[in-house]
């Protein structure tokens, strides 16, 4: 069973083997990360075709006798101010990843941090009053590389405020963190409450919400 040190304190916390002891499944993690990043895309890029551009109803000149090429509309894609051919239109980029696959990818991402010792547990109660200085000192003393992802419970506001202004440190609620966030961080800090939520999500226990695909 792997252990995680306590950030800014002595001792360690045992990590659940079912959630933090899995082998790394690269293709599954890649699929989940791609699904999460695609789901975050707005998909609002839009262009107008020749049928949507204003004007161009009249034929610019007669068909024959001018010596110029035939033209039926001044809003042809060949003309300045004309429509766009094969341009983007509003769409959804999301695609489905099965629930079991998402859980397995989450276990893989968490296990990577557990294996290389880049996960620490934070006592969020010690940050009842926000202190960015204390948060920065704790990370420096830990000595792990940046960027760092800090996962907290929804009600741990003091700790969130303490870490959110640090450069290359991101603070997120544990329920909102996806595989892309976890695997993209060089080091991971979780509160005790967030650790319980992550373990439950990874094992599929309880009713903790999962990230949208």
C-alpha atoms as a PDB file:
ATOM      1  CA  UNK A   1       0.000   0.000   0.000  1.00  0.00           C
ATOM      2  CA  UNK A   2       1.425   3.385  -1.030  1.00  0.00           C
ATOM      3  CA  UNK A   3       1.697   6.299   1.368  1.00  0.00           C
ATOM      4  CA  UNK A   4       1.418  10.025   0.760  1.00  0.00           C
ATOM      5  CA  UNK A   5       3.226  12.556   2.967  1.00  0.00           C
ATOM      6  CA  UNK A   6       1.342  15.273   4.778  1.00  0.00           C
ATOM      7  CA  UNK A   7       1.984  18.708   3.325  1.00  0.00           C
ATOM      8  CA  UNK A   8       3.618  20.919   5.901  1.00  0.00           C
ATOM      9  CA  UNK A   9       3.364  18.318   8.658  1.00  0.00           C
ATOM     10  CA  UNK A  10       4.958  15.082   9.833  1.00  0.00           C
ATOM     11  CA  UNK A  11       3.600  11.647   9.063  1.00  0.00           C
ATOM     12  CA  UNK A  12       1.832  10.189   6.089  1.00  0.00           C
ATOM     13  CA  UNK A  13      -1.519   8.910   4.882  1.00  0.00           C
ATOM     14  CA  UNK A  14      -2.111   5.442   3.482  1.00  0.00           C
ATOM     15  CA  UNK A  15      -3.569   5.424  -0.032  1.00  0.00           C
ATOM     16  CA  UNK A  16      -6.193   2.919  -1.118  1.00  0.00           C
ATOM     17  CA  UNK A  17      -4.629   0.293  -3.385  1.00  0.00           C
ATOM     18  CA  UNK A  18      -7.816  -0.053  -5.420  1.00  0.00           C
ATOM     19  CA  UNK A  19      -7.665   3.622  -6.425  1.00  0.00           C
ATOM     20  CA  UNK A  20      -3.921   4.369  -6.277  1.00  0.00           C
ATOM     21  CA  UNK A  21      -2.343   1.027  -7.128  1.00  0.00           C
ATOM     22  CA  UNK A  22      -3.524   0.419 -10.672  1.00  0.00           C
ATOM     23  CA  UNK A  23      -1.288  -0.058 -13.689  1.00  0.00           C
ATOM     24  CA  UNK A  24      -1.043   2.742 -16.218  1.00  0.00           C
ATOM     25  CA  UNK A  25      -3.299   2.341 -19.241  1.00  0.00           C
ATOM     26  CA  UNK A  26      -2.044   4.928 -21.744  1.00  0.00           C
ATOM     27  CA  UNK A  27      -4.660   4.505 -24.493  1.00  0.00           C
ATOM     28  CA  UNK A  28      -7.507   4.699 -21.970  1.00  0.00           C
ATOM     29  CA  UNK A  29      -6.088   7.817 -20.334  1.00  0.00           C
ATOM     30  CA  UNK A  30      -5.595   9.402 -23.769  1.00  0.00           C
ATOM     31  CA  UNK A  31      -9.208   8.685 -24.726  1.00  0.00           C
ATOM     32  CA  UNK A  32     -10.550  10.159 -21.483  1.00  0.00           C
ATOM     33  CA  UNK A  33      -8.340  13.237 -21.706  1.00  0.00           C
ATOM     34  CA  UNK A  34      -9.391  13.843 -25.308  1.00  0.00           C
ATOM     35  CA  UNK A  35     -13.066  13.479 -24.367  1.00  0.00           C
ATOM     36  CA  UNK A  36     -12.727  15.931 -21.475  1.00  0.00           C
ATOM     37  CA  UNK A  37     -10.851  18.536 -23.491  1.00  0.00           C
ATOM     38  CA  UNK A  38     -13.324  18.202 -26.364  1.00  0.00           C
ATOM     39  CA  UNK A  39     -16.228  18.683 -23.965  1.00  0.00           C
ATOM     40  CA  UNK A  40     -14.682  21.982 -22.862  1.00  0.00           C
ATOM     41  CA  UNK A  41     -14.654  23.357 -26.408  1.00  0.00           C
ATOM     42  CA  UNK A  42     -17.421  25.874 -27.069  1.00  0.00           C
ATOM     43  CA  UNK A  43     -17.948  24.870 -30.673  1.00  0.00           C
ATOM     44  CA  UNK A  44     -19.397  28.270 -31.611  1.00  0.00           C
ATOM     45  CA  UNK A  45     -17.184  29.089 -34.622  1.00  0.00           C
ATOM     46  CA  UNK A  46     -19.449  30.004 -37.511  1.00  0.00           C
ATOM     47  CA  UNK A  47     -19.171  31.259 -41.100  1.00  0.00           C
ATOM     48  CA  UNK A  48     -21.724  32.156 -43.781  1.00  0.00           C
ATOM     49  CA  UNK A  49     -22.116  30.270 -47.011  1.00  0.00           C
ATOM     50  CA  UNK A  50     -23.046  32.010 -50.271  1.00  0.00           C
ATOM     51  CA  UNK A  51     -26.693  31.425 -49.449  1.00  0.00           C
ATOM     52  CA  UNK A  52     -26.417  33.271 -46.123  1.00  0.00           C
ATOM     53  CA  UNK A  53     -24.375  36.309 -47.182  1.00  0.00           C
ATOM     54  CA  UNK A  54     -26.418  39.418 -47.758  1.00  0.00           C
ATOM     55  CA  UNK A  55     -26.864  40.658 -51.343  1.00  0.00           C
ATOM     56  CA  UNK A  56     -25.926  39.068 -54.625  1.00  0.00           C
ATOM     57  CA  UNK A  57     -29.450  38.445 -55.791  1.00  0.00           C
ATOM     58  CA  UNK A  58     -29.016  40.080 -59.207  1.00  0.00           C
ATOM     59  CA  UNK A  59     -26.789  38.646 -61.922  1.00  0.00           C
ATOM     60  CA  UNK A  60     -23.761  41.008 -62.095  1.00  0.00           C
ATOM     61  CA  UNK A  61     -23.762  41.159 -65.930  1.00  0.00           C
ATOM     62  CA  UNK A  62     -25.360  39.383 -68.820  1.00  0.00           C
ATOM     63  CA  UNK A  63     -24.271  35.867 -69.657  1.00  0.00           C
ATOM     64  CA  UNK A  64     -22.683  36.551 -73.060  1.00  0.00           C
ATOM     65  CA  UNK A  65     -21.080  39.350 -74.995  1.00  0.00           C
ATOM     66  CA  UNK A  66     -19.012  41.086 -72.302  1.00  0.00           C
ATOM     67  CA  UNK A  67     -15.763  39.198 -72.757  1.00  0.00           C
ATOM     68  CA  UNK A  68     -15.690  38.424 -69.074  1.00  0.00           C
ATOM     69  CA  UNK A  69     -16.194  35.108 -67.283  1.00  0.00           C
ATOM     70  CA  UNK A  70     -19.728  34.078 -66.522  1.00  0.00           C
ATOM     71  CA  UNK A  71     -20.994  35.233 -63.120  1.00  0.00           C
ATOM     72  CA  UNK A  72     -24.296  34.483 -61.509  1.00  0.00           C
ATOM     73  CA  UNK A  73     -23.848  36.191 -58.143  1.00  0.00           C
ATOM     74  CA  UNK A  74     -21.553  38.746 -56.551  1.00  0.00           C
ATOM     75  CA  UNK A  75     -21.633  36.638 -53.401  1.00  0.00           C
ATOM     76  CA  UNK A  76     -19.830  33.696 -54.973  1.00  0.00           C
ATOM     77  CA  UNK A  77     -16.968  32.367 -52.811  1.00  0.00           C
ATOM     78  CA  UNK A  78     -14.625  33.535 -55.579  1.00  0.00           C
ATOM     79  CA  UNK A  79     -15.605  37.147 -55.008  1.00  0.00           C
ATOM     80  CA  UNK A  80     -14.520  39.523 -52.267  1.00  0.00           C
ATOM     81  CA  UNK A  81     -17.354  39.667 -49.757  1.00  0.00           C
ATOM     82  CA  UNK A  82     -18.694  36.334 -50.918  1.00  0.00           C
ATOM     83  CA  UNK A  83     -19.576  33.286 -48.903  1.00  0.00           C
ATOM     84  CA  UNK A  84     -17.149  30.821 -47.342  1.00  0.00           C
ATOM     85  CA  UNK A  85     -16.708  27.317 -48.693  1.00  0.00           C
ATOM     86  CA  UNK A  86     -16.468  24.486 -46.161  1.00  0.00           C
ATOM     87  CA  UNK A  87     -16.169  26.924 -43.251  1.00  0.00           C
ATOM     88  CA  UNK A  88     -16.881  25.980 -39.628  1.00  0.00           C
ATOM     89  CA  UNK A  89     -20.395  25.947 -38.259  1.00  0.00           C
ATOM     90  CA  UNK A  90     -21.614  25.554 -34.660  1.00  0.00           C
ATOM     91  CA  UNK A  91     -21.154  21.970 -33.517  1.00  0.00           C
ATOM     92  CA  UNK A  92     -20.552  19.812 -30.477  1.00  0.00           C
ATOM     93  CA  UNK A  93     -17.167  18.142 -30.093  1.00  0.00           C
ATOM     94  CA  UNK A  94     -18.196  15.776 -27.311  1.00  0.00           C
ATOM     95  CA  UNK A  95     -18.064  12.029 -27.606  1.00  0.00           C
ATOM     96  CA  UNK A  96     -18.978   9.318 -25.155  1.00  0.00           C
ATOM     97  CA  UNK A  97     -16.566   7.444 -22.914  1.00  0.00           C
ATOM     98  CA  UNK A  98     -18.094   4.672 -20.837  1.00  0.00           C
ATOM     99  CA  UNK A  99     -18.322   5.164 -17.088  1.00  0.00           C
ATOM    100  CA  UNK A 100     -16.097   2.181 -16.316  1.00  0.00           C
ATOM    101  CA  UNK A 101     -13.494   3.454 -18.762  1.00  0.00           C
ATOM    102  CA  UNK A 102     -13.497   6.899 -17.118  1.00  0.00           C
ATOM    103  CA  UNK A 103     -13.028   5.325 -13.707  1.00  0.00           C
ATOM    104  CA  UNK A 104     -10.168   3.158 -14.958  1.00  0.00           C
ATOM    105  CA  UNK A 105      -8.503   6.216 -16.521  1.00  0.00           C
ATOM    106  CA  UNK A 106      -8.891   8.110 -13.237  1.00  0.00           C
ATOM    107  CA  UNK A 107      -7.279   5.212 -11.364  1.00  0.00           C
ATOM    108  CA  UNK A 108      -4.397   5.242 -13.840  1.00  0.00           C
ATOM    109  CA  UNK A 109      -3.838   8.978 -13.395  1.00  0.00           C
ATOM    110  CA  UNK A 110      -3.939   8.769  -9.601  1.00  0.00           C
ATOM    111  CA  UNK A 111      -1.663   5.738  -9.573  1.00  0.00           C
ATOM    112  CA  UNK A 112       0.975   7.592 -11.596  1.00  0.00           C
ATOM    113  CA  UNK A 113       1.237  10.225  -8.857  1.00  0.00           C
ATOM    114  CA  UNK A 114       1.276   7.584  -6.129  1.00  0.00           C
ATOM    115  CA  UNK A 115       4.009   5.604  -7.876  1.00  0.00           C
ATOM    116  CA  UNK A 116       6.354   8.551  -8.380  1.00  0.00           C
ATOM    117  CA  UNK A 117       5.621  10.103  -4.969  1.00  0.00           C
ATOM    118  CA  UNK A 118       4.184  13.316  -6.358  1.00  0.00           C
ATOM    119  CA  UNK A 119       1.027  13.321  -4.225  1.00  0.00           C
ATOM    120  CA  UNK A 120       0.674  14.873  -0.768  1.00  0.00           C
ATOM    121  CA  UNK A 121      -2.240  15.191   1.649  1.00  0.00           C
ATOM    122  CA  UNK A 122      -3.187  18.577   3.042  1.00  0.00           C
ATOM    123  CA  UNK A 123      -4.835  19.323   6.371  1.00  0.00           C
ATOM    124  CA  UNK A 124      -7.280  21.945   5.100  1.00  0.00           C
ATOM    125  CA  UNK A 125      -8.380  22.745   8.658  1.00  0.00           C
ATOM    126  CA  UNK A 126      -5.037  24.442   9.152  1.00  0.00           C
ATOM    127  CA  UNK A 127      -6.072  27.028   6.552  1.00  0.00           C
ATOM    128  CA  UNK A 128      -9.213  28.247   8.284  1.00  0.00           C
ATOM    129  CA  UNK A 129      -7.767  31.704   7.666  1.00  0.00           C
ATOM    130  CA  UNK A 130      -6.347  32.111   4.143  1.00  0.00           C
ATOM    131  CA  UNK A 131      -2.564  32.438   4.000  1.00  0.00           C
ATOM    132  CA  UNK A 132      -0.841  32.422   0.631  1.00  0.00           C
ATOM    133  CA  UNK A 133       2.545  32.695   2.351  1.00  0.00           C
ATOM    134  CA  UNK A 134       2.002  29.497   4.345  1.00  0.00           C
ATOM    135  CA  UNK A 135       0.768  27.686   1.254  1.00  0.00           C
ATOM    136  CA  UNK A 136       3.844  28.719  -0.723  1.00  0.00           C
ATOM    137  CA  UNK A 137       6.187  27.698   2.098  1.00  0.00           C
ATOM    138  CA  UNK A 138       4.534  24.279   2.369  1.00  0.00           C
ATOM    139  CA  UNK A 139       4.968  23.622  -1.359  1.00  0.00           C
ATOM    140  CA  UNK A 140       8.610  24.738  -1.291  1.00  0.00           C
ATOM    141  CA  UNK A 141       9.327  22.503   1.687  1.00  0.00           C
ATOM    142  CA  UNK A 142       7.694  19.566  -0.114  1.00  0.00           C
ATOM    143  CA  UNK A 143      10.036  20.095  -3.053  1.00  0.00           C
ATOM    144  CA  UNK A 144       7.940  18.635  -5.861  1.00  0.00           C
ATOM    145  CA  UNK A 145       7.991  20.213  -9.350  1.00  0.00           C
ATOM    146  CA  UNK A 146       5.354  22.552 -10.725  1.00  0.00           C
ATOM    147  CA  UNK A 147       2.667  22.803 -12.032  1.00  0.00           C
ATOM    148  CA  UNK A 148       0.772  21.654  -8.970  1.00  0.00           C
ATOM    149  CA  UNK A 149      -2.916  20.784  -8.778  1.00  0.00           C
ATOM    150  CA  UNK A 150      -4.623  21.294  -5.415  1.00  0.00           C
ATOM    151  CA  UNK A 151      -7.874  19.375  -4.956  1.00  0.00           C
ATOM    152  CA  UNK A 152     -10.205  20.375  -2.147  1.00  0.00           C
ATOM    153  CA  UNK A 153     -13.740  19.818  -0.915  1.00  0.00           C
ATOM    154  CA  UNK A 154     -16.349  22.441  -1.744  1.00  0.00           C
ATOM    155  CA  UNK A 155     -16.426  23.869   1.796  1.00  0.00           C
ATOM    156  CA  UNK A 156     -12.634  24.224   2.179  1.00  0.00           C
ATOM    157  CA  UNK A 157     -12.673  27.852   1.093  1.00  0.00           C
ATOM    158  CA  UNK A 158      -9.750  29.031   3.220  1.00  0.00           C
ATOM    159  CA  UNK A 159      -7.361  26.528   1.681  1.00  0.00           C
ATOM    160  CA  UNK A 160      -8.626  27.324  -1.837  1.00  0.00           C
ATOM    161  CA  UNK A 161      -7.941  31.032  -1.294  1.00  0.00           C
ATOM    162  CA  UNK A 162      -4.494  30.247   0.083  1.00  0.00           C
ATOM    163  CA  UNK A 163      -3.340  28.351  -3.012  1.00  0.00           C
ATOM    164  CA  UNK A 164      -5.215  30.035  -5.848  1.00  0.00           C
ATOM    165  CA  UNK A 165      -2.889  33.042  -6.206  1.00  0.00           C
ATOM    166  CA  UNK A 166       0.321  31.008  -6.448  1.00  0.00           C
ATOM    167  CA  UNK A 167       2.006  30.888  -9.832  1.00  0.00           C
ATOM    168  CA  UNK A 168       1.603  27.561 -11.654  1.00  0.00           C
ATOM    169  CA  UNK A 169      -0.679  26.256  -8.916  1.00  0.00           C
ATOM    170  CA  UNK A 170      -4.306  25.443  -9.715  1.00  0.00           C
ATOM    171  CA  UNK A 171      -6.976  24.878  -7.081  1.00  0.00           C
ATOM    172  CA  UNK A 172     -10.097  22.887  -7.996  1.00  0.00           C
ATOM    173  CA  UNK A 173     -12.950  21.129  -6.199  1.00  0.00           C
ATOM    174  CA  UNK A 174     -12.278  17.392  -6.152  1.00  0.00           C
ATOM    175  CA  UNK A 175     -15.591  16.676  -7.866  1.00  0.00           C
ATOM    176  CA  UNK A 176     -14.716  18.984 -10.773  1.00  0.00           C
ATOM    177  CA  UNK A 177     -11.243  17.589 -11.477  1.00  0.00           C
ATOM    178  CA  UNK A 178     -10.940  15.355 -14.499  1.00  0.00           C
ATOM    179  CA  UNK A 179      -8.309  12.956 -15.737  1.00  0.00           C
ATOM    180  CA  UNK A 180      -6.860  15.729 -17.923  1.00  0.00           C
ATOM    181  CA  UNK A 181      -6.326  17.966 -14.884  1.00  0.00           C
ATOM    182  CA  UNK A 182      -4.746  15.222 -12.770  1.00  0.00           C
ATOM    183  CA  UNK A 183      -2.469  13.708 -15.392  1.00  0.00           C
ATOM    184  CA  UNK A 184      -1.455  17.159 -16.635  1.00  0.00           C
ATOM    185  CA  UNK A 185      -0.089  18.208 -13.233  1.00  0.00           C
ATOM    186  CA  UNK A 186       3.478  17.426 -12.214  1.00  0.00           C
ATOM    187  CA  UNK A 187       2.430  17.185  -8.561  1.00  0.00           C
ATOM    188  CA  UNK A 188      -0.853  16.712  -6.742  1.00  0.00           C
ATOM    189  CA  UNK A 189      -2.037  18.021  -3.372  1.00  0.00           C
ATOM    190  CA  UNK A 190      -5.324  16.747  -1.962  1.00  0.00           C
ATOM    191  CA  UNK A 191      -7.120  17.494   1.267  1.00  0.00           C
ATOM    192  CA  UNK A 192      -8.304  14.590   3.401  1.00  0.00           C
ATOM    193  CA  UNK A 193     -11.895  15.198   2.338  1.00  0.00           C
ATOM    194  CA  UNK A 194     -10.880  15.423  -1.321  1.00  0.00           C
ATOM    195  CA  UNK A 195      -8.890  12.205  -0.981  1.00  0.00           C
ATOM    196  CA  UNK A 196     -12.006  10.394   0.186  1.00  0.00           C
ATOM    197  CA  UNK A 197     -14.002  11.805  -2.740  1.00  0.00           C
ATOM    198  CA  UNK A 198     -11.333  10.832  -5.286  1.00  0.00           C
ATOM    199  CA  UNK A 199     -11.063   7.328  -3.852  1.00  0.00           C
ATOM    200  CA  UNK A 200     -14.824   6.879  -4.037  1.00  0.00           C
ATOM    201  CA  UNK A 201     -14.908   8.141  -7.625  1.00  0.00           C
ATOM    202  CA  UNK A 202     -12.059   5.904  -8.713  1.00  0.00           C
ATOM    203  CA  UNK A 203     -13.597   2.837  -7.101  1.00  0.00           C
ATOM    204  CA  UNK A 204     -17.105   3.658  -8.313  1.00  0.00           C
ATOM    205  CA  UNK A 205     -18.447   3.744  -4.773  1.00  0.00           C
ATOM    206  CA  UNK A 206     -21.208   6.053  -3.603  1.00  0.00           C
ATOM    207  CA  UNK A 207     -22.868   8.692  -5.737  1.00  0.00           C
ATOM    208  CA  UNK A 208     -19.976  11.090  -6.320  1.00  0.00           C
ATOM    209  CA  UNK A 209     -20.544  12.876  -9.654  1.00  0.00           C
ATOM    210  CA  UNK A 210     -18.140  12.140 -12.485  1.00  0.00           C
ATOM    211  CA  UNK A 211     -16.768  14.458 -15.117  1.00  0.00           C
ATOM    212  CA  UNK A 212     -18.780  14.882 -18.316  1.00  0.00           C
ATOM    213  CA  UNK A 213     -17.439  13.243 -21.440  1.00  0.00           C
END
